[in-house]
Protein backbone atom coordinates (compact mmCIF):
# COMPACT_ATOMS: atom_id res chain seq x y z
CA MET A 1 -95.72 102.96 22.70
CA THR A 2 -97.20 105.55 24.78
CA GLN A 3 -99.61 107.80 22.73
CA SER A 4 -98.13 111.50 21.98
CA ALA A 5 -99.89 114.42 23.32
CA SER A 6 -102.51 116.24 21.26
CA PRO A 7 -101.42 118.87 18.97
CA GLU A 8 -103.81 120.98 20.90
CA ARG A 9 -102.39 120.30 24.25
CA LYS A 10 -98.74 120.58 22.75
CA ASP A 11 -99.23 123.67 21.34
CA ARG A 12 -101.41 125.13 23.71
CA TYR A 13 -99.06 127.61 24.95
CA PRO A 14 -96.44 128.49 22.08
CA ALA A 15 -93.22 129.77 22.91
CA ALA A 16 -94.09 133.05 21.41
CA GLU A 17 -96.84 133.66 23.91
CA TRP A 18 -95.10 132.68 26.65
CA ARG A 19 -92.53 135.12 26.17
CA ARG A 20 -94.92 138.06 25.54
CA ASP A 21 -96.80 137.22 28.42
CA ILE A 22 -93.48 137.20 30.65
CA LEU A 23 -92.91 140.58 29.37
CA ALA A 24 -96.24 141.98 30.01
CA PHE A 25 -95.86 140.99 33.28
CA ALA A 26 -92.44 141.89 34.11
CA GLY A 27 -93.73 145.60 32.71
CA LEU A 28 -96.41 145.35 35.00
CA ALA A 29 -94.09 144.30 38.02
CA ILE A 30 -91.95 147.49 37.11
CA VAL A 31 -95.23 149.73 37.52
CA ILE A 32 -96.24 148.07 40.90
CA LEU A 33 -92.61 148.57 42.08
CA ALA A 34 -92.64 152.34 40.93
CA LEU A 35 -95.97 152.66 42.83
CA PHE A 36 -94.53 151.44 46.34
CA LEU A 37 -91.29 153.34 45.65
CA SER A 38 -93.39 156.67 44.99
CA GLN A 39 -96.57 156.39 47.33
CA GLY A 40 -95.48 154.25 50.03
CA ALA A 41 -96.51 151.10 51.21
CA VAL A 42 -99.83 151.87 53.03
CA TYR A 43 -101.32 153.28 49.95
CA SER A 44 -99.88 150.93 47.51
CA VAL A 45 -101.32 147.99 49.54
CA ARG A 46 -104.59 149.52 49.08
CA VAL A 47 -104.58 149.99 45.34
CA MET A 48 -103.35 146.54 45.14
CA VAL A 49 -106.51 145.17 46.98
CA GLU A 50 -108.79 147.25 44.97
CA ALA A 51 -107.21 146.63 41.84
CA GLY A 52 -107.38 142.69 42.69
CA CYS A 53 -111.40 143.13 43.26
CA TYR A 54 -111.33 144.93 39.66
CA ALA A 55 -109.55 142.01 38.11
CA LEU A 56 -112.30 139.55 39.37
CA LEU A 57 -114.72 142.15 37.82
CA ALA A 58 -112.67 142.08 34.64
CA LEU A 59 -112.72 138.06 34.65
CA GLY A 60 -116.75 138.55 34.98
CA LEU A 61 -116.96 140.70 31.92
CA THR A 62 -114.26 138.61 30.33
CA ILE A 63 -116.41 135.41 30.56
CA GLN A 64 -119.38 137.36 28.82
CA TRP A 65 -117.55 139.61 26.09
CA GLY A 66 -114.39 137.35 25.53
CA TYR A 67 -116.05 134.19 25.43
CA ALA A 68 -119.60 134.77 24.20
CA GLY A 69 -119.44 138.45 22.41
CA MET A 70 -122.24 139.71 25.03
CA PHE A 71 -122.25 143.62 25.12
CA ASN A 72 -123.16 144.02 28.80
CA ILE A 73 -122.54 147.70 30.06
CA GLY A 74 -124.75 147.37 33.17
CA ILE A 75 -121.87 145.69 35.14
CA MET A 76 -122.45 148.51 37.52
CA GLY A 77 -126.12 147.02 38.65
CA PHE A 78 -125.10 143.82 39.10
CA LEU A 79 -121.89 145.16 41.41
CA ALA A 80 -124.35 147.29 43.13
CA ALA A 81 -126.65 144.30 43.95
CA GLY A 82 -124.07 142.45 45.12
CA ALA A 83 -122.56 144.80 47.62
CA ALA A 84 -126.08 145.41 48.77
CA THR A 85 -126.50 141.84 49.49
CA SER A 86 -123.55 141.59 51.39
CA MET A 87 -123.96 144.49 53.74
CA LEU A 88 -127.29 143.04 54.58
CA ILE A 89 -125.89 139.41 55.24
CA SER A 90 -122.61 140.68 57.32
CA PHE A 91 -123.81 143.86 59.21
CA PRO A 92 -124.91 143.53 62.61
CA ALA A 93 -128.73 143.01 63.43
CA ASN A 94 -130.94 145.61 64.28
CA PRO A 95 -132.51 144.80 67.44
CA LYS A 96 -135.46 147.21 66.70
CA PHE A 97 -136.45 145.87 63.53
CA TRP A 98 -136.65 142.11 64.88
CA ALA A 99 -138.82 143.94 67.74
CA SER A 100 -141.40 145.03 65.25
CA PRO A 101 -143.85 144.06 62.91
CA GLY A 102 -141.22 144.43 60.28
CA PRO A 103 -139.93 140.59 60.04
CA MET A 104 -143.52 139.46 59.64
CA LEU A 105 -144.06 141.98 56.96
CA VAL A 106 -140.92 140.97 55.02
CA ALA A 107 -141.88 137.35 55.41
CA LEU A 108 -145.43 138.14 53.65
CA PHE A 109 -143.69 140.03 50.86
CA ILE A 110 -141.38 137.10 50.30
CA GLY A 111 -144.28 134.92 50.10
CA LYS A 112 -146.42 137.25 48.04
CA LEU A 113 -143.36 137.43 45.60
CA PHE A 114 -143.20 133.67 45.16
CA LEU A 115 -146.69 133.18 44.46
CA CYS A 116 -146.73 136.15 41.81
CA GLY A 117 -143.74 134.47 40.18
CA ILE A 118 -145.41 131.18 40.20
CA ALA A 119 -148.59 133.07 38.77
CA ILE A 120 -146.43 134.38 35.89
CA TRP A 121 -144.90 131.12 35.09
CA ILE A 122 -148.32 129.29 34.82
CA ALA A 123 -149.67 132.17 32.66
CA ASN A 124 -146.45 131.81 30.31
CA LYS A 125 -147.50 128.16 29.99
CA ALA A 126 -150.99 128.86 28.89
CA ASP A 127 -150.73 128.10 25.36
CA ARG A 128 -150.25 124.32 26.61
CA ILE A 129 -153.60 124.04 27.79
CA GLY A 130 -155.20 125.30 24.61
CA ALA A 131 -154.83 129.01 24.75
CA SER A 132 -154.26 130.72 21.61
CA ARG A 133 -151.31 133.41 21.30
CA ARG A 134 -153.46 136.46 21.63
CA LEU A 135 -155.40 134.98 24.52
CA LYS A 136 -151.85 133.96 26.32
CA GLY A 137 -150.75 137.52 25.88
CA ILE A 138 -153.83 138.84 27.31
CA ILE A 139 -153.37 136.62 30.52
CA VAL A 140 -149.56 136.98 30.93
CA THR A 141 -150.48 140.84 30.72
CA LEU A 142 -153.08 140.87 33.27
CA VAL A 143 -151.06 138.82 35.72
CA LEU A 144 -148.05 140.90 35.42
CA ILE A 145 -150.51 144.17 36.12
CA ALA A 146 -152.08 142.46 39.10
CA SER A 147 -148.61 141.08 40.54
CA PHE A 148 -147.40 144.48 40.51
CA ALA A 149 -150.03 146.05 41.85
CA ILE A 150 -150.15 143.72 44.87
CA LEU A 151 -146.44 143.77 45.66
CA SER A 152 -146.21 147.64 45.27
CA ASN A 153 -149.26 148.02 47.33
CA HIS A 154 -147.40 145.46 50.05
CA MET A 155 -143.91 147.27 49.58
CA THR A 156 -145.44 150.91 50.38
CA ARG A 157 -146.87 149.57 53.72
CA MET A 158 -143.96 147.67 54.59
CA SER A 159 -141.48 150.34 54.20
CA GLN A 160 -143.71 153.09 55.99
CA GLU A 161 -143.88 150.76 58.86
CA ILE A 162 -140.32 149.63 59.23
CA GLU A 163 -138.99 153.27 58.72
CA SER A 164 -141.19 154.64 60.98
CA THR A 165 -140.59 151.99 63.88
CA SER A 166 -136.85 150.73 63.62
CA GLY A 167 -135.52 153.12 60.71
CA TRP A 168 -134.40 149.96 58.38
CA ILE A 169 -133.97 146.50 58.52
CA GLY A 170 -130.53 146.04 59.49
CA GLY A 171 -128.33 142.97 58.56
CA LEU A 172 -128.13 139.57 59.59
CA GLY A 173 -124.50 139.20 61.32
CA LEU A 174 -123.18 136.36 59.45
CA PRO A 175 -119.58 135.82 58.15
CA VAL A 176 -118.23 138.09 55.34
CA LEU A 177 -117.32 135.16 53.33
CA LEU A 178 -120.62 134.12 53.31
CA GLY A 179 -122.20 137.45 52.55
CA TRP A 180 -119.61 137.25 49.55
CA ALA A 181 -120.98 133.79 48.33
CA VAL A 182 -124.88 134.98 48.69
CA ALA A 183 -123.66 138.44 46.59
CA GLY A 184 -122.54 136.12 43.75
CA PHE A 185 -125.74 134.22 44.08
CA VAL A 186 -128.02 137.30 44.17
CA ALA A 187 -126.15 139.00 41.09
CA ALA A 188 -126.50 135.61 39.18
CA ILE A 189 -130.29 135.44 40.09
CA ILE A 190 -131.02 139.02 38.80
CA ALA A 191 -128.66 137.81 35.51
CA TRP A 192 -131.04 135.16 35.08
CA ALA A 193 -134.15 137.23 35.19
CA VAL A 194 -132.58 140.18 33.04
CA GLY A 195 -131.12 137.27 30.56
CA LYS A 196 -134.61 135.62 30.15
CA ILE A 197 -135.55 138.94 28.66
CA CYS A 198 -133.12 140.70 26.99
CA LEU A 199 -130.80 137.78 25.58
CA GLY A 200 -133.03 137.86 22.42
CA LEU A 201 -131.96 141.42 21.46
CA ARG A 202 -129.07 142.23 19.13
CA SER A 203 -126.22 143.00 20.63
CA ASP A 204 -126.60 147.09 20.54
CA TYR A 205 -130.07 146.52 22.19
CA LEU A 206 -128.47 144.28 24.84
CA ALA A 207 -126.16 146.80 26.04
CA ILE A 208 -129.20 149.52 26.31
CA ALA A 209 -131.07 147.16 28.17
CA THR A 210 -128.37 146.27 30.48
CA LEU A 211 -127.91 149.68 30.88
CA GLY A 212 -131.02 150.71 31.92
CA ILE A 213 -131.45 147.52 34.46
CA ALA A 214 -128.45 148.99 36.09
CA ALA A 215 -129.94 152.37 36.41
CA ILE A 216 -133.20 150.80 38.11
CA ILE A 217 -131.05 148.68 40.49
CA LYS A 218 -129.03 151.67 41.67
CA THR A 219 -132.18 153.88 42.06
CA PHE A 220 -134.01 151.38 44.04
CA LEU A 221 -131.07 150.56 46.40
CA LYS A 222 -130.43 154.64 46.58
CA ASN A 223 -134.09 155.25 47.49
CA ALA A 224 -134.87 151.84 49.71
CA ASP A 225 -134.25 153.51 53.00
CA TRP A 226 -136.14 150.77 54.62
CA LEU A 227 -133.69 148.40 53.36
CA THR A 228 -130.16 150.08 52.69
CA ARG A 229 -130.59 153.46 54.50
CA GLY A 230 -130.51 155.08 51.25
CA THR A 231 -128.17 157.78 51.27
CA LEU A 232 -127.39 157.63 54.73
CA THR A 233 -124.92 155.06 54.11
CA VAL A 234 -124.07 151.97 56.26
CA SER A 235 -120.77 151.61 58.31
CA PRO A 236 -118.21 150.18 59.19
CA LEU A 237 -118.75 147.09 57.38
CA PRO A 238 -116.71 144.12 58.77
CA TRP A 239 -113.59 142.23 57.31
CA PRO A 240 -113.14 138.57 56.63
CA VAL A 241 -109.84 139.20 58.23
CA PRO A 242 -108.81 141.31 61.36
CA THR A 243 -109.42 145.16 60.79
CA PRO A 244 -106.65 147.64 61.21
CA ALA A 245 -105.79 148.10 64.64
CA ASN A 246 -103.29 150.57 66.40
CA GLY A 247 -102.23 151.91 63.17
CA HIS A 248 -101.14 148.44 61.61
CA PHE A 249 -102.66 149.27 58.36
CA ILE A 250 -100.05 147.44 56.20
CA LEU A 251 -100.62 144.09 57.85
CA ALA A 252 -104.41 144.16 57.82
CA ARG A 253 -104.39 145.03 54.17
CA SER A 254 -102.17 142.56 53.19
CA TYR A 255 -104.23 139.96 54.83
CA TYR A 256 -107.03 141.20 52.88
CA LEU A 257 -105.09 141.27 49.95
CA CYS A 258 -104.06 137.47 50.35
CA VAL A 259 -107.68 136.65 50.54
CA VAL A 260 -108.84 138.51 47.24
CA ALA A 261 -105.94 137.13 45.51
CA VAL A 262 -106.61 133.55 46.15
CA ILE A 263 -110.22 134.28 45.11
CA VAL A 264 -108.81 135.82 41.63
CA VAL A 265 -106.29 132.89 41.44
CA LEU A 266 -109.14 130.25 42.21
CA LEU A 267 -111.44 131.78 39.19
CA TYR A 268 -108.55 132.43 37.05
CA LEU A 269 -107.59 128.50 37.19
CA LEU A 270 -111.34 127.65 36.43
CA LEU A 271 -111.60 129.85 33.89
CA GLN A 272 -108.39 128.60 32.33
CA ARG A 273 -109.67 125.00 32.41
CA ALA A 274 -112.94 125.88 31.09
CA TYR A 275 -111.81 128.03 27.97
CA TYR A 276 -109.84 124.88 26.81
CA ALA A 277 -112.81 122.32 27.67
CA PRO A 278 -115.52 121.16 25.18
CA TRP A 279 -117.76 123.95 26.69
CA GLY A 280 -115.25 126.62 26.07
CA ARG A 281 -114.82 125.73 22.33
CA MET A 282 -118.81 125.52 21.95
CA MET A 283 -119.23 129.35 23.52
CA ARG A 284 -116.34 130.64 21.12
CA ALA A 285 -117.97 128.61 18.28
CA ILE A 286 -121.48 130.36 19.31
CA ARG A 287 -119.70 133.86 19.53
CA ASP A 288 -118.02 133.45 16.04
CA ASN A 289 -121.03 132.07 14.15
CA GLU A 290 -123.88 131.75 15.87
CA ASP A 291 -126.22 130.50 12.88
CA ALA A 292 -123.73 127.82 12.27
CA ALA A 293 -123.57 126.43 15.86
CA GLU A 294 -127.37 126.43 16.00
CA ALA A 295 -127.45 124.63 12.67
CA MET A 296 -125.00 122.07 14.57
CA GLY A 297 -127.65 121.44 17.07
CA LYS A 298 -126.56 123.79 19.98
CA ASP A 299 -129.04 125.47 21.99
CA VAL A 300 -127.75 128.88 21.56
CA THR A 301 -130.30 130.98 23.69
CA ARG A 302 -129.73 128.49 26.77
CA ARG A 303 -125.86 128.65 26.60
CA ARG A 304 -125.89 132.32 26.20
CA LEU A 305 -128.02 132.69 29.17
CA GLN A 306 -125.76 130.12 30.90
CA ILE A 307 -122.62 132.40 30.11
CA PHE A 308 -124.37 135.59 30.96
CA VAL A 309 -125.35 134.38 34.33
CA LEU A 310 -121.68 133.07 35.03
CA GLY A 311 -120.40 136.36 34.25
CA CYS A 312 -122.48 138.20 36.64
CA ILE A 313 -121.20 135.85 39.58
CA PRO A 314 -117.65 137.57 39.89
CA MET A 315 -119.10 140.90 39.37
CA GLY A 316 -121.55 140.48 42.46
CA VAL A 317 -118.68 138.98 44.61
CA GLY A 318 -116.28 141.66 43.37
CA GLY A 319 -118.67 144.73 44.25
CA ALA A 320 -119.28 143.11 47.69
CA MET A 321 -115.38 142.69 48.08
CA LEU A 322 -114.88 146.80 47.25
CA ILE A 323 -117.34 147.81 49.75
CA HIS A 324 -116.26 145.63 52.62
CA PHE A 325 -112.64 146.94 52.07
CA ALA A 326 -113.58 150.45 52.06
CA GLN A 327 -116.15 149.46 54.89
CA ILE A 328 -118.97 151.60 53.91
CA TYR A 329 -121.98 151.02 51.87
CA ASP A 330 -123.11 153.99 50.07
CA PRO A 331 -125.23 153.53 46.86
CA SER A 332 -124.47 157.14 45.70
CA ALA A 333 -120.99 156.24 45.21
CA PHE A 334 -121.94 153.56 42.49
CA ILE A 335 -120.92 155.59 39.37
CA ASP A 336 -120.76 154.05 35.55
CA LEU A 337 -117.34 155.94 35.13
CA ASN A 338 -115.90 154.42 37.98
CA TYR A 339 -117.04 150.64 37.17
CA THR A 340 -118.77 149.86 33.96
CA PHE A 341 -116.56 152.24 31.92
CA LEU A 342 -113.14 151.47 33.67
CA ILE A 343 -113.76 147.94 33.70
CA TRP A 344 -114.25 147.71 29.91
CA VAL A 345 -111.19 149.72 29.39
CA MET A 346 -109.17 146.96 31.52
CA VAL A 347 -110.77 144.17 29.40
CA ILE A 348 -110.05 146.10 25.95
CA LEU A 349 -106.37 146.95 27.02
CA GLY A 350 -105.37 143.46 28.37
CA GLY A 351 -106.87 141.59 25.70
CA ALA A 352 -110.38 140.34 25.34
CA GLY A 353 -110.90 136.43 25.55
CA ASN A 354 -107.67 136.00 27.48
CA ASN A 355 -107.87 135.67 31.37
CA ARG A 356 -104.51 136.56 32.06
CA GLY A 357 -104.86 139.90 29.93
CA ALA A 358 -107.97 140.82 31.97
CA ILE A 359 -105.84 140.37 35.34
CA LEU A 360 -103.00 142.52 33.73
CA GLY A 361 -105.29 145.20 32.45
CA ALA A 362 -107.26 145.54 35.58
CA VAL A 363 -104.08 146.00 37.75
CA PHE A 364 -102.64 148.21 35.15
CA VAL A 365 -105.20 150.28 34.67
CA TYR A 366 -106.22 150.69 38.15
CA ILE A 367 -102.79 151.54 39.32
CA ILE A 368 -102.57 154.56 36.44
CA TRP A 369 -106.41 155.39 37.53
CA THR A 370 -105.49 156.03 41.15
CA ALA A 371 -102.01 157.18 40.95
CA SER A 372 -102.07 159.38 38.07
CA SER A 373 -104.00 162.27 40.45
CA PRO A 374 -101.30 162.67 42.91
CA ILE A 375 -98.53 162.34 40.62
CA ALA A 376 -100.08 165.10 38.34
CA LEU A 377 -100.76 166.91 41.40
CA SER A 378 -96.96 166.92 42.50
CA LEU A 379 -95.74 167.77 38.62
CA PHE A 380 -98.38 170.59 38.47
CA HIS A 381 -97.18 172.19 41.87
CA LEU A 382 -93.49 171.89 40.59
CA VAL A 383 -94.36 173.44 37.20
CA ALA A 384 -96.17 176.20 39.04
CA TYR A 385 -93.47 176.98 41.35
CA TYR A 386 -90.88 177.11 39.01
CA GLY A 387 -92.80 178.84 36.46
CA HIS A 388 -93.62 181.52 39.12
CA GLU A 389 -89.94 181.72 40.18
CA TRP A 390 -88.61 181.68 36.53
CA THR A 391 -91.17 183.76 34.55
CA GLY A 392 -93.48 185.37 37.10
CA TRP A 393 -96.11 182.93 35.78
CA GLN A 394 -99.32 182.80 37.90
CA PRO A 395 -100.94 179.45 37.89
CA PRO A 396 -104.81 179.06 37.67
CA ALA A 397 -106.84 178.86 40.73
CA ASP A 398 -108.36 175.46 39.88
CA LEU A 399 -104.83 173.88 39.38
CA ASP A 400 -105.55 171.33 42.01
CA SER A 401 -108.83 170.35 40.57
CA ARG A 402 -107.44 170.06 37.56
CA ALA A 403 -104.80 167.67 38.26
CA LEU A 404 -107.04 165.44 40.20
CA GLU A 405 -108.92 164.98 36.87
CA MET A 406 -105.83 163.95 34.62
CA ARG A 407 -106.61 160.35 35.37
CA VAL A 408 -109.20 160.48 32.86
CA PHE A 409 -106.64 161.68 30.22
CA VAL A 410 -104.10 159.26 31.09
CA VAL A 411 -106.34 156.38 30.95
CA GLY A 412 -107.88 157.77 27.76
CA LEU A 413 -104.43 158.24 26.46
CA ALA A 414 -103.53 154.82 27.43
CA ILE A 415 -106.50 153.11 25.71
CA THR A 416 -105.75 155.06 22.41
CA LEU A 417 -102.10 153.85 22.03
CA VAL A 418 -103.34 150.26 22.88
CA LEU A 419 -105.95 150.34 20.20
CA ARG A 420 -103.59 151.95 17.68
CA TYR A 421 -100.54 149.74 18.41
CA ALA A 422 -102.37 146.56 19.83
CA PRO A 423 -105.81 146.48 18.49
CA GLN A 424 -106.47 143.14 20.16
CA GLY A 425 -105.06 144.16 23.31
CA VAL A 426 -101.63 143.81 25.14
CA LEU A 427 -102.42 139.98 25.40
CA PRO A 428 -104.66 139.15 22.73
CA GLU A 429 -106.86 135.89 22.73
CA PRO A 430 -104.80 132.67 22.60
CA ARG A 431 -105.49 130.51 19.63
CA ALA A 432 -105.18 126.90 19.82
CA ARG A 433 -103.11 125.24 17.13
CA HIS A 434 -104.25 122.34 15.49
């Protein structure tokens, strides 16, 4: 006799959950259809591309918050770092930079950074050669101060030389998809460094720390004229597919949408497999009862660092995809309201810990975020017209600006209704039956 399927696998997707998911995505399909009918194909395809990029960002936050309960509100920082990295990888080279002393100065800075990192690592191991805890602290502090002084002095000299001779370093002119991959890698490195410092903090302190680090990253990118041109912006950024030519916006954006959709689907399938694997069950056990998981022999700190790094990779890639689609890199455009806050709303509305819920929430919230302003503007003009015709009412002079801010009200109303009637989100976290 063949062995029957395990109860967990047989009941992994109960019929009630399937019906709920089908109804939710059917409702989303109606919203998408209404968007195309009301706003036209050119605008709607653009919105869907950007919504797909946000779905990738929401999946990254789902890994951290839904799987491990990590309160990361520094999303903007990892997104901005990934965007800057992809811009530097894929933008055409600056011949003036390569003909100047700049490349040698950059190579020396990377070498000094590597050596300083080794020195800090060795200082952290001072206790293994008999140093007391106090002496170790003094050694680490001195090495950190010396490293900061060395790197800061070199960066000042390097930035002045590059800005005076070539303006900025330019890009490497490599393929866009490679730039996206490197963006995820750089976001992972930053996440590892942040995690080593901050993951020992309580959830509220972790949130404050990640918010501060995001502000540091944005400030650095905004002021590093030698590296990113600062507020001067960089454009036009290349696409991984043919850019719009001769007015063929729909076709070009559709190609870009296909690339984004493939990446989102691949990440979704990987996360679905990981969620039901032993690794996923272990992460949820750590989230639900950290002390019990540690008592069972799990290395909680290492696993939390692992999940934090994995969650930041899609954030870096998503940031790169967004700026390439817009074809402009502008560090001033990275605003917490448009990224960190909005992505948290997407995950909460869709359902924390549910990968399908993250995608559903991202697409739905981004549609109402972008489409509510033009719809509100049309309604306000209609009310103003008939109000004047019927009653002589004079609309306020700032009616248009008020309509453009209606998206904040609409998103706030949506999240309020969801929290009231579906506290766990539209698609709550699936529970395996045993």
